[in-house]
Protein backbone atom coordinates (compact mmCIF):
# COMPACT_ATOMS: atom_id res chain seq x y z
CA MET A 1 -1.75 -18.11 21.01
CA THR A 2 -3.50 -19.69 24.07
CA LEU A 3 -5.54 -22.70 23.24
CA ILE A 4 -9.09 -20.78 24.46
CA ALA A 5 -8.20 -18.15 22.16
CA HIS A 6 -7.09 -20.32 19.05
CA LEU A 7 -10.27 -22.10 19.23
CA VAL A 8 -12.64 -18.70 19.69
CA TYR A 9 -9.99 -17.51 16.39
CA GLN A 10 -11.05 -21.02 14.47
CA SER A 11 -14.68 -20.76 15.64
CA LEU A 12 -14.66 -17.19 14.25
CA LEU A 13 -13.25 -18.27 10.95
CA ARG A 14 -15.56 -21.30 10.50
CA ILE A 15 -18.60 -18.85 10.80
CA LEU A 16 -17.32 -16.61 8.36
CA GLN A 17 -16.32 -19.56 6.14
CA ILE A 18 -19.72 -20.66 5.90
CA ALA A 19 -20.77 -16.84 5.25
CA SER A 20 -18.70 -16.48 2.28
CA LYS A 21 -20.28 -19.51 0.84
CA CYS A 22 -23.57 -17.66 0.75
CA VAL A 23 -22.42 -15.01 -1.32
CA VAL A 24 -23.15 -16.92 -4.91
CA ASN A 25 -22.32 -13.98 -7.32
CA LYS A 26 -19.48 -11.59 -7.66
CA PRO A 27 -20.59 -8.28 -5.89
CA LYS A 28 -20.39 -5.21 -7.66
CA ARG A 29 -17.38 -3.14 -6.90
CA SER A 30 -18.86 -1.16 -3.82
CA SER A 31 -19.09 -4.37 -1.78
CA LYS A 32 -15.62 -4.76 -0.17
CA VAL A 33 -16.51 -6.85 2.36
CA LEU A 34 -18.87 -9.16 0.23
CA ARG A 35 -16.00 -9.02 -2.40
CA GLY A 36 -13.19 -10.35 0.13
CA LEU A 37 -15.98 -13.26 1.30
CA TYR A 38 -16.56 -13.97 -2.69
CA GLY A 39 -12.99 -14.10 -3.24
CA ARG A 40 -12.05 -16.34 -0.03
CA LYS A 41 -14.52 -18.77 -0.92
CA GLN A 42 -12.58 -20.26 -3.81
CA ALA A 43 -9.00 -19.42 -2.40
CA CYS A 44 -8.07 -22.40 -1.06
CA ARG A 45 -8.85 -24.47 -3.97
CA LYS A 46 -7.55 -22.23 -6.28
CA LEU A 47 -3.98 -22.33 -4.38
CA ILE A 48 -4.03 -25.87 -4.31
CA ALA A 49 -4.98 -26.27 -7.76
CA TRP A 50 -1.96 -24.20 -9.40
CA GLY A 51 0.13 -26.01 -6.64
CA GLU A 52 -0.56 -29.34 -7.61
CA ALA A 53 -0.22 -28.53 -11.59
CA ASN A 54 2.45 -25.90 -11.75
CA ARG A 55 4.47 -26.01 -8.97
CA GLY A 56 8.34 -26.97 -10.15
CA PRO A 57 9.88 -29.57 -8.05
CA LEU A 58 13.16 -27.62 -7.93
CA THR A 59 12.09 -23.79 -8.67
CA PRO A 60 12.06 -21.93 -5.74
CA ILE A 61 8.94 -20.90 -4.47
CA PHE A 62 8.20 -17.15 -2.76
CA TRP A 63 4.87 -16.84 -1.22
CA ILE A 64 4.29 -13.29 -0.34
CA HIS A 65 1.54 -11.80 1.36
CA ALA A 66 0.00 -8.27 1.41
CA SER A 67 -2.84 -7.23 3.26
CA SER A 68 -4.26 -4.06 0.85
CA VAL A 69 -3.02 -1.88 -1.73
CA GLY A 70 -0.68 -0.29 -0.09
CA GLU A 71 1.35 -3.38 1.02
CA ALA A 72 0.77 -4.81 -2.20
CA LEU A 73 2.77 -2.22 -3.84
CA GLN A 74 5.60 -2.45 -1.48
CA ALA A 75 5.53 -6.62 -2.14
CA LYS A 76 5.80 -5.74 -5.65
CA SER A 77 9.02 -4.20 -5.31
CA ILE A 78 10.12 -6.99 -3.48
CA ALA A 79 8.56 -9.46 -5.99
CA GLU A 80 10.45 -7.64 -8.97
CA GLY A 81 13.67 -7.34 -6.85
CA LEU A 82 13.46 -11.00 -6.32
CA ARG A 83 13.22 -12.05 -10.14
CA LYS A 84 16.27 -9.67 -10.82
CA ARG A 85 18.30 -10.97 -8.49
CA LEU A 86 17.29 -14.88 -8.22
CA GLY A 87 16.42 -15.62 -12.11
CA ASP A 88 14.32 -18.26 -12.63
CA ILE A 89 11.68 -18.56 -9.53
CA GLN A 90 8.07 -18.86 -8.81
CA ILE A 91 5.62 -16.55 -7.11
CA VAL A 92 2.80 -17.00 -5.18
CA PHE A 93 0.83 -14.05 -4.33
CA THR A 94 -2.33 -13.56 -1.53
CA PHE A 95 -3.68 -10.42 -0.56
CA PHE A 96 -6.51 -9.79 1.97
CA SER A 97 -8.28 -6.57 1.45
CA ALA A 98 -10.79 -5.96 -2.17
CA SER A 99 -8.82 -3.04 -2.45
CA ALA A 100 -5.74 -4.86 -3.69
CA GLU A 101 -7.86 -6.55 -6.41
CA GLU A 102 -6.43 -4.75 -9.15
CA THR A 103 -2.94 -4.53 -8.19
CA ALA A 104 -3.30 -8.13 -8.27
CA GLU A 105 -3.65 -8.42 -11.50
CA ASP A 106 -0.57 -6.59 -12.56
CA PHE A 107 1.48 -8.20 -9.57
CA PRO A 108 4.56 -10.12 -11.17
CA SER A 109 3.27 -13.51 -9.46
CA ASP A 110 2.72 -16.94 -11.55
CA ILE A 111 -0.32 -16.81 -9.59
CA SER A 112 -2.76 -14.11 -7.82
CA ALA A 113 -5.23 -14.75 -5.18
CA TYR A 114 -7.29 -13.70 -2.25
CA LEU A 115 -5.79 -15.33 1.23
CA PRO A 116 -7.56 -18.18 2.34
CA TRP A 117 -9.56 -18.16 5.43
CA ASP A 118 -6.24 -18.81 8.17
CA LEU A 119 -7.78 -22.02 9.36
CA SER A 120 -5.02 -24.50 10.29
CA GLY A 121 -6.29 -27.19 7.98
CA ASP A 122 -6.55 -25.19 5.24
CA MET A 123 -3.36 -23.55 5.80
CA GLY A 124 -1.50 -26.86 5.76
CA ASP A 125 -3.34 -28.08 2.83
CA VAL A 126 -1.88 -25.00 1.01
CA LEU A 127 1.30 -25.10 2.12
CA ASP A 128 1.86 -28.77 1.42
CA ALA A 129 0.54 -28.13 -2.52
CA LEU A 130 2.97 -24.90 -3.02
CA CYS A 131 5.76 -26.65 -1.18
CA PRO A 132 6.97 -22.80 -0.95
CA SER A 133 10.87 -21.95 -0.27
CA ILE A 134 9.64 -19.36 2.32
CA VAL A 135 6.49 -17.34 3.36
CA LEU A 136 6.96 -13.40 3.31
CA PHE A 137 4.42 -11.18 5.38
CA THR A 138 4.51 -7.02 4.88
CA GLN A 139 4.32 -4.58 7.09
CA ARG A 140 2.48 -5.92 10.13
CA GLU A 141 0.39 -8.50 9.21
CA ILE A 142 1.24 -12.00 10.18
CA TRP A 143 -1.11 -14.47 10.00
CA PRO A 144 -1.05 -17.08 12.90
CA ASN A 145 -2.01 -20.01 11.72
CA LEU A 146 -0.42 -19.85 8.20
CA ASN A 147 2.79 -18.70 10.18
CA ARG A 148 2.53 -21.53 12.53
CA GLN A 149 1.63 -24.38 9.80
CA ALA A 150 4.71 -23.46 8.10
CA ARG A 151 7.21 -23.36 10.70
CA ILE A 152 5.77 -27.14 11.28
CA ARG A 153 6.73 -27.74 8.05
CA GLY A 154 10.33 -26.45 8.24
CA ILE A 155 9.50 -23.22 5.98
CA PRO A 156 11.01 -20.38 7.22
CA THR A 157 8.78 -17.14 7.33
CA VAL A 158 9.72 -13.51 7.15
CA LEU A 159 8.12 -10.03 8.10
CA VAL A 160 9.27 -7.89 5.73
CA GLY A 161 8.40 -3.62 5.40
CA GLY A 162 7.98 -4.60 8.89
CA THR A 163 6.48 -1.02 10.97
CA LEU A 164 4.44 -0.05 13.98
CA SER A 165 3.69 3.28 14.72
CA SER A 166 3.94 4.97 18.24
CA ASN A 167 0.38 4.83 18.77
CA ALA A 168 -0.47 1.13 17.06
CA LYS A 169 -3.25 -0.82 18.63
CA LYS A 170 -1.01 -3.78 18.31
CA LEU A 171 1.57 -2.22 21.06
CA ARG A 172 -1.65 -1.81 23.44
CA TRP A 173 -3.44 -4.54 25.66
CA PRO A 174 -5.41 -6.83 25.03
CA TRP A 175 -4.16 -6.89 21.48
CA ARG A 176 -0.42 -6.82 22.47
CA LEU A 177 -0.52 -10.28 23.61
CA SER A 178 -1.56 -12.08 20.44
CA THR A 179 1.08 -9.71 18.47
CA SER A 180 3.47 -10.57 20.92
CA PHE A 181 3.07 -14.22 19.89
CA THR A 182 2.74 -13.81 16.22
CA VAL A 183 6.09 -11.48 16.29
CA GLY A 184 8.16 -13.80 17.92
CA GLN A 185 7.52 -17.08 15.90
CA VAL A 186 8.37 -15.68 12.72
CA SER A 187 11.69 -16.34 10.97
CA ALA A 188 13.33 -12.83 10.71
CA ILE A 189 11.70 -9.00 10.84
CA GLY A 190 12.78 -6.87 8.59
CA ALA A 191 11.83 -3.41 9.73
CA ILE A 192 11.62 -0.14 8.23
CA SER A 193 13.59 2.01 10.82
CA VAL A 194 15.49 1.68 14.12
CA ASP A 195 12.25 2.77 15.86
CA ASP A 196 10.51 0.22 14.36
CA LYS A 197 12.82 -2.08 15.38
CA ASP A 198 12.37 -1.29 18.86
CA ARG A 199 8.83 -1.72 18.67
CA PHE A 200 8.99 -5.24 17.19
CA GLU A 201 11.38 -5.76 20.39
CA SER A 202 9.59 -4.38 22.71
CA LEU A 203 7.13 -6.97 21.91
CA GLY A 204 9.24 -9.84 22.33
CA ALA A 205 11.28 -10.17 19.45
CA ASP A 206 14.74 -11.28 19.78
CA LYS A 207 17.11 -8.56 18.91
CA ASN A 208 19.04 -10.70 16.59
CA GLN A 209 15.69 -11.46 14.67
CA VAL A 210 15.23 -7.83 13.77
CA LYS A 211 17.20 -6.11 10.89
CA VAL A 212 16.57 -2.59 9.70
CA THR A 213 16.32 -2.87 6.14
CA GLY A 214 14.94 0.37 5.02
CA ASP A 215 11.19 0.90 3.20
CA PRO A 216 10.88 -1.04 0.13
CA ALA A 217 7.99 1.13 -0.56
CA VAL A 218 10.47 4.17 -1.35
CA ASP A 219 11.76 2.14 -4.16
CA SER A 220 8.61 1.05 -5.61
CA ALA A 221 7.33 4.84 -5.36
CA TYR A 222 10.76 5.99 -7.46
CA ASP A 223 10.54 3.06 -9.98
CA ARG A 224 6.68 3.88 -10.45
CA VAL A 225 7.04 7.27 -10.98
CA GLY A 226 10.45 6.77 -13.03
CA SER A 227 8.68 4.90 -15.95
CA LEU A 228 5.37 7.31 -16.44
CA ASP A 229 6.31 8.75 -19.69
CA ASP A 230 4.08 6.08 -21.93
CA GLN A 231 1.20 6.46 -19.51
CA VAL A 232 1.14 10.05 -18.85
CA SER A 233 0.42 11.00 -22.62
CA ASP A 234 -3.55 10.74 -22.01
CA LEU A 235 -3.00 13.13 -19.33
CA ASN A 236 -0.97 16.00 -20.78
CA PHE A 237 -4.37 18.44 -20.97
CA LEU A 238 -3.41 18.90 -17.47
CA SER A 239 0.16 20.39 -18.56
CA LYS A 240 -1.75 23.61 -19.08
CA TRP A 241 -2.25 23.70 -15.66
CA LYS A 242 1.07 22.73 -14.02
CA ASP A 243 2.17 25.58 -12.10
CA SER A 244 -1.53 26.17 -10.51
CA LEU A 245 -2.80 22.69 -10.27
CA ILE A 246 -3.52 21.27 -6.45
CA VAL A 247 -3.77 17.30 -6.71
CA ALA A 248 -5.31 15.55 -3.80
CA GLY A 249 -5.13 12.07 -3.42
CA SER A 250 -6.62 8.98 -1.61
CA THR A 251 -9.17 11.63 0.27
CA TRP A 252 -11.77 10.82 2.63
CA ASP A 253 -15.04 12.57 3.53
CA SER A 254 -12.80 14.09 6.56
CA ASP A 255 -10.52 15.60 3.99
CA GLU A 256 -12.80 16.48 1.31
CA GLY A 257 -15.27 19.40 3.16
CA MET A 258 -11.73 20.93 4.39
CA LEU A 259 -10.45 20.46 0.68
CA LEU A 260 -13.30 22.40 -1.24
CA SER A 261 -13.96 25.35 1.40
CA ALA A 262 -10.02 25.92 0.88
CA LEU A 263 -10.11 25.84 -2.61
CA VAL A 264 -13.22 28.25 -2.80
CA GLU A 265 -11.29 30.87 -0.33
CA ILE A 266 -7.83 30.41 -2.61
CA ARG A 267 -9.96 31.20 -5.56
CA THR A 268 -11.08 34.89 -4.61
CA THR A 269 -7.23 35.97 -4.40
CA ASN A 270 -5.76 33.38 -6.91
CA PRO A 271 -8.81 32.07 -9.89
CA LYS A 272 -6.33 30.32 -11.94
CA ILE A 273 -5.64 27.46 -9.49
CA LYS A 274 -7.65 24.30 -9.98
CA MET A 275 -8.00 21.12 -8.14
CA VAL A 276 -7.73 17.46 -9.43
CA LEU A 277 -9.95 15.35 -6.50
CA VAL A 278 -9.16 11.42 -6.45
CA PRO A 279 -11.51 10.28 -3.69
CA HIS A 280 -9.86 7.08 -1.91
CA GLU A 281 -13.11 4.88 -2.92
CA VAL A 282 -14.51 5.82 -6.51
CA PHE A 283 -17.87 3.90 -6.27
CA PRO A 284 -20.26 5.89 -8.28
CA GLU A 285 -22.30 6.82 -5.05
CA ASN A 286 -19.21 8.46 -3.66
CA ILE A 287 -18.42 10.66 -6.87
CA ASP A 288 -22.16 11.47 -7.29
CA ARG A 289 -21.80 12.52 -3.60
CA MET A 290 -18.56 14.44 -4.66
CA THR A 291 -20.35 16.36 -7.43
CA ARG A 292 -22.76 17.36 -5.25
CA LYS A 293 -20.49 18.70 -2.41
CA CYS A 294 -18.50 20.64 -5.19
CA MET A 295 -21.97 22.12 -6.89
CA ASP A 296 -23.16 23.19 -3.30
CA GLN A 297 -19.69 25.14 -2.79
CA GLY A 298 -20.40 27.12 -6.43
CA LEU A 299 -17.45 25.06 -7.84
CA ARG A 300 -17.65 24.08 -11.41
CA VAL A 301 -16.67 20.07 -12.00
CA ILE A 302 -15.88 17.96 -14.38
CA GLN A 303 -15.86 13.89 -14.07
CA PHE A 304 -12.51 12.46 -15.28
CA SER A 305 -15.01 9.77 -17.29
CA GLY A 306 -16.52 12.85 -19.16
CA LEU A 307 -13.53 14.09 -20.42
CA SER A 308 -13.97 12.62 -23.78
CA LYS A 309 -17.48 14.93 -24.19
CA ASN A 310 -16.26 17.71 -22.63
CA LYS A 311 -12.12 18.29 -22.84
CA ASN A 312 -12.19 21.97 -22.21
CA MET A 313 -10.59 22.27 -18.53
CA ASN A 314 -11.15 26.10 -18.64
CA THR A 315 -14.77 25.80 -18.19
CA ALA A 316 -14.09 23.66 -14.68
CA ASP A 317 -12.65 24.45 -11.05
CA VAL A 318 -12.31 20.73 -10.05
CA LEU A 319 -11.81 17.58 -12.18
CA LEU A 320 -13.54 14.68 -9.79
CA VAL A 321 -11.59 11.37 -10.86
CA ASP A 322 -13.83 8.48 -11.57
CA VAL A 323 -11.49 5.99 -12.13
CA MET A 324 -8.76 3.91 -10.74
CA GLY A 325 -5.08 3.26 -11.22
CA ILE A 326 -3.91 6.77 -12.32
CA LEU A 327 -3.13 8.50 -9.55
CA THR A 328 0.69 8.00 -9.60
CA TYR A 329 0.48 10.00 -12.90
CA LEU A 330 -1.26 12.60 -11.77
CA TYR A 331 1.33 13.96 -9.15
CA SER A 332 3.57 14.48 -12.20
CA PHE A 333 1.19 17.02 -13.13
CA ALA A 334 0.90 19.05 -9.38
CA THR A 335 2.22 21.90 -8.14
CA ILE A 336 1.14 20.92 -4.50
CA ALA A 337 -0.08 17.64 -3.59
CA TYR A 338 -2.42 16.62 -0.69
CA VAL A 339 -2.62 13.18 0.62
CA GLY A 340 -5.69 12.23 2.29
CA GLY A 341 -6.90 10.18 5.39
CA GLY A 342 -4.60 12.49 8.08
CA PHE A 343 -8.05 13.68 9.21
CA GLY A 344 -9.63 10.29 10.44
CA ALA A 345 -9.27 7.41 11.89
CA GLU A 346 -8.01 5.47 8.73
CA GLY A 347 -4.44 7.29 8.79
CA LEU A 348 -2.53 8.84 6.45
CA HIS A 349 -2.44 7.27 2.93
CA SER A 350 1.39 7.29 0.71
CA VAL A 351 3.27 10.58 0.73
CA LEU A 352 5.65 8.73 -1.48
CA GLU A 353 4.38 9.19 -4.76
CA PRO A 354 4.12 13.09 -4.58
CA ALA A 355 7.56 12.82 -3.01
CA ALA A 356 9.16 11.16 -5.99
CA ALA A 357 7.52 13.49 -8.45
CA GLY A 358 9.08 16.30 -6.43
CA VAL A 359 6.11 17.68 -5.19
CA PRO A 360 5.60 19.28 -1.72
CA THR A 361 2.84 17.72 0.11
CA LEU A 362 0.31 18.72 2.82
CA PHE A 363 -1.82 16.50 4.84
CA GLY A 364 -3.62 16.24 8.31
CA PRO A 365 -2.21 15.99 11.83
CA ASN A 366 -2.83 12.12 12.12
CA TYR A 367 0.26 11.62 10.71
CA GLU A 368 2.26 9.04 13.36
CA ASN A 369 1.63 5.98 10.93
CA SER A 370 3.77 7.17 8.17
CA LEU A 371 7.28 7.48 8.68
CA ALA A 372 7.80 9.17 5.13
CA ALA A 373 5.26 11.62 6.14
CA SER A 374 7.46 12.41 9.38
CA GLY A 375 10.86 12.41 7.29
CA LEU A 376 9.29 14.79 4.62
CA LEU A 377 8.39 17.44 7.91
CA ASP A 378 11.64 17.02 9.18
CA GLU A 379 13.35 17.85 5.25
CA GLY A 380 10.72 20.72 4.44
CA ALA A 381 9.35 19.20 1.82
CA ALA A 382 5.70 18.89 3.58
CA LYS A 383 3.37 20.54 5.74
CA ILE A 384 0.47 19.84 8.22
CA VAL A 385 -2.65 21.21 7.74
CA LEU A 386 -5.59 21.61 10.21
CA ASP A 387 -8.54 23.20 8.37
CA SER A 388 -9.47 25.12 5.58
CA ASP A 389 -8.03 28.22 6.64
CA GLY A 390 -4.42 27.05 7.18
CA MET A 391 -4.89 25.03 3.69
CA GLY A 392 -5.36 28.34 2.19
CA HIS A 393 -3.07 30.06 4.16
CA VAL A 394 -0.05 27.33 3.35
CA VAL A 395 -1.18 27.41 -0.62
CA GLU A 396 -1.01 31.27 -1.03
CA GLU A 397 2.43 30.78 0.70
CA TYR A 398 3.87 28.76 -1.78
CA PHE A 399 2.14 30.37 -4.92
CA SER A 400 3.55 33.36 -3.92
CA ASP A 401 6.74 32.27 -3.29
CA ARG A 402 8.03 29.93 -6.10
CA ASP A 403 11.74 29.67 -4.82
CA GLU A 404 10.49 28.15 -1.72
CA LEU A 405 7.94 25.90 -3.92
CA LEU A 406 10.97 24.76 -5.79
CA LYS A 407 13.09 24.17 -2.66
CA ALA A 408 10.20 22.09 -1.71
CA GLY A 409 10.09 20.10 -4.30
CA ARG A 410 13.79 19.66 -4.35
CA ASN A 411 13.91 18.32 -0.92
CA ALA A 412 11.00 15.50 -1.14
CA LEU A 413 13.27 14.05 -4.13
CA GLY A 414 15.99 14.17 -1.73
CA TYR A 415 14.40 12.29 0.68
CA ILE A 416 13.26 9.53 -1.76
CA GLU A 417 17.03 9.58 -2.77
CA LYS A 418 18.54 9.57 0.69
CA ASN A 419 16.04 6.48 1.45
CA ARG A 420 16.61 4.35 -1.43
CA GLY A 421 17.81 0.56 -1.23
CA GLY A 422 15.60 -0.86 1.28
CA THR A 423 14.46 -3.34 -1.54
CA ASP A 424 17.91 -4.87 -2.13
CA GLN A 425 18.49 -4.84 1.79
CA THR A 426 15.43 -6.93 2.01
CA ILE A 427 16.41 -9.14 -0.39
CA ASP A 428 19.69 -9.65 1.30
CA LEU A 429 17.64 -10.80 4.61
CA ILE A 430 15.42 -13.38 2.73
CA CYS A 431 18.26 -14.65 1.03
CA ASP A 432 20.08 -14.86 4.80
CA VAL A 433 17.32 -16.85 5.93
CA LEU A 434 16.86 -19.23 2.97
CA GLU A 435 20.70 -19.83 3.27
CA THR A 436 20.14 -21.22 6.63
CA VAL A 437 17.62 -23.62 6.06
CA ARG A 438 18.59 -24.54 2.52
CA PRO A 439 21.38 -23.43 0.43
CA LEU A 440 19.20 -21.15 -1.87
CA SER A 441 22.67 -21.33 -4.74
CA VAL A 442 22.57 -25.09 -4.57
CA LEU A 443 19.12 -25.28 -4.99
CA ILE A 444 19.22 -23.20 -8.25
CA GLU A 445 22.49 -24.84 -8.94
CA LYS A 446 20.70 -28.70 -9.00
CA LYS A 447 18.00 -26.46 -11.27
CA ASN A 448 20.10 -25.47 -13.93
CA GLN A 449 21.74 -28.55 -14.33
CA ARG A 450 18.57 -30.70 -14.82
């Protein structure tokens, strides 16, 4: 990073830091930006206080950072794998987006917090208090001052689950300039595929610095779907519609009009089909908007939170989910899944959970950011839909040919099975990097002898 760029970057962060002090009370859930400002206000002091009070002098500490909820789930698989492999370690987890707050509450870490503002002095103070053995970034988000201050202190940094889509902004000018700098400064990169490895190398990463380790998110999805038995009991009422249920998850406004129009058309020939609709953001105003949309289409709708008052799904065409944290469980009841984001600039959300549930998946045309979506298409486990007519046609084909439906589901599971193991390979890379700095086995042995 050039001196001028560094000064501009620092100045912008200082302005945001001052702005965060003006957010006195914790904002409501729908105010994601304000929640982020509020959370970051105390993050630096929170991490320093924990480090000074709880850091074990001989205990390896892993600082894992994730941007948002998707990256956090991927990081969670790595954290659990590190604990399983290395035993008594400490984990610090930080996140950037307010959407990861709920995931952070269940993260297998000793402390979770918002990432402090990426200011050189603040990051240096946090690193001095935590003294981590290593800093792990996920997917593509490398914070330059945190990375630089870690390297000054001899702390290695690794990008895990590294991925860059072919049309990623970071590959284009002028963003390419700053990306090239940060990518070249990490100790190692664990890329999820050969194509991603090549893209990181095109940004200036040394070929010996980048290793293909697979995608830990596949293991995360597999493990979560495999541990649903205890959680799905409250959703068993959906079993009655398991053969005629479309579960549409992480949907945006650009998805929802198409989905509801398609459902109206589908039900003219197959009135038994129902839809569970899970918006990406379940804020009350968003749920109210979606309820009106359903009613405007002539669809009978029940909100999930109202099921205790009206459990008779026979009277509903659409179950609108207005709570967080159950989408993975819902996919296990689906006949067909639809994953949102493929019609907007936000990009496609994770298709791994429905695949791990053995469900064929549909999504919009903007899927270039998802290696898994391309893989499922190649396996015959997913299809692209371009509009409501296309959606209706694909759904009708699946429901009229149960053999093809079952085959697509098996192919989805096959993709998951074929691509498991990314977590272990990522942990191998992390341990290899640590061994070049300070043999981890020696550190653990010293701790055990203490």
